[in-house]
Amino acid sequence: MHNDTFNLSLRRFLKEVGISSQQEIERIVRERGLAGEGTLNVKMVLTAEGTDLRHEVDGRIDLG
């Protein structure tokens, strides 16, 4: 595997995940009227088909 190709592909994927995740969080906050309502507990789970990869990131987003 060519390292530059891998890095570009990985960065492209992570950018897509970041942008689409932000859009979905903003949508749910807007649709549910959650702005100014404390915090939103979130979890991101990363898996890779055909592997045993399972990476979880838990977080809190301040809605105030």
Protein backbone atom coordinates (compact mmCIF):
# COMPACT_ATOMS: atom_id res chain seq x y z
CA MET A 1 0.00 0.00 0.00
CA HIS A 2 1.41 3.37 -0.98
CA ASN A 3 1.64 5.52 2.16
CA ASP A 4 0.56 8.77 0.44
CA THR A 5 -2.47 7.09 -1.11
CA PHE A 6 -3.46 5.63 2.26
CA ASN A 7 -3.04 8.96 4.06
CA LEU A 8 -5.09 10.86 1.48
CA SER A 9 -7.85 8.28 1.54
CA LEU A 10 -7.92 8.21 5.34
CA ARG A 11 -8.04 12.00 5.59
CA ARG A 12 -10.84 12.14 3.02
CA PHE A 13 -12.85 9.61 5.02
CA LEU A 14 -12.26 11.41 8.34
CA LYS A 15 -13.24 14.74 6.79
CA GLU A 16 -16.49 13.22 5.55
CA VAL A 17 -17.18 11.73 8.98
CA GLY A 18 -16.48 15.04 10.71
CA ILE A 19 -18.59 17.17 8.38
CA SER A 20 -21.55 14.79 8.20
CA SER A 21 -21.48 14.20 11.97
CA GLN A 22 -21.53 17.93 12.67
CA GLN A 23 -24.44 18.40 10.26
CA GLU A 24 -26.44 15.60 11.91
CA ILE A 25 -25.80 16.94 15.42
CA GLU A 26 -26.81 20.46 14.33
CA ARG A 27 -29.95 19.03 12.71
CA ILE A 28 -31.08 17.12 15.78
CA VAL A 29 -30.39 20.09 18.07
CA ARG A 30 -32.42 22.34 15.74
CA GLU A 31 -35.32 19.87 15.22
CA ARG A 32 -35.66 19.04 18.91
CA GLY A 33 -35.18 22.62 20.09
CA LEU A 34 -32.24 21.63 22.30
CA ALA A 35 -30.18 24.82 21.93
CA GLY A 36 -29.49 26.30 25.37
CA GLU A 37 -30.67 23.08 27.05
CA GLY A 38 -27.54 21.91 28.89
CA THR A 39 -25.46 19.18 27.26
CA LEU A 40 -25.85 16.48 24.66
CA ASN A 41 -24.13 13.17 25.41
CA VAL A 42 -22.75 11.66 22.22
CA LYS A 43 -20.88 8.53 21.17
CA MET A 44 -19.04 7.77 17.95
CA VAL A 45 -18.36 4.13 17.11
CA LEU A 46 -15.85 3.22 14.41
CA THR A 47 -15.78 -0.26 12.93
CA ALA A 48 -14.06 -1.68 9.87
CA GLU A 49 -15.73 -4.48 7.97
CA GLY A 50 -13.77 -7.73 8.03
CA THR A 51 -11.69 -6.70 11.06
CA ASP A 52 -12.09 -6.69 14.83
CA LEU A 53 -11.75 -2.89 14.93
CA ARG A 54 -14.18 -1.25 17.33
CA HIS A 55 -13.19 2.20 18.55
CA GLU A 56 -15.60 4.23 20.69
CA VAL A 57 -15.35 7.90 21.58
CA ASP A 58 -17.75 9.33 24.16
CA GLY A 59 -18.25 13.04 24.58
CA ARG A 60 -20.46 15.84 25.78
CA ILE A 61 -21.49 18.81 23.70
CA ASP A 62 -22.43 22.01 25.54
CA LEU A 63 -25.68 23.30 24.07
CA GLY A 64 -25.64 26.59 26.00
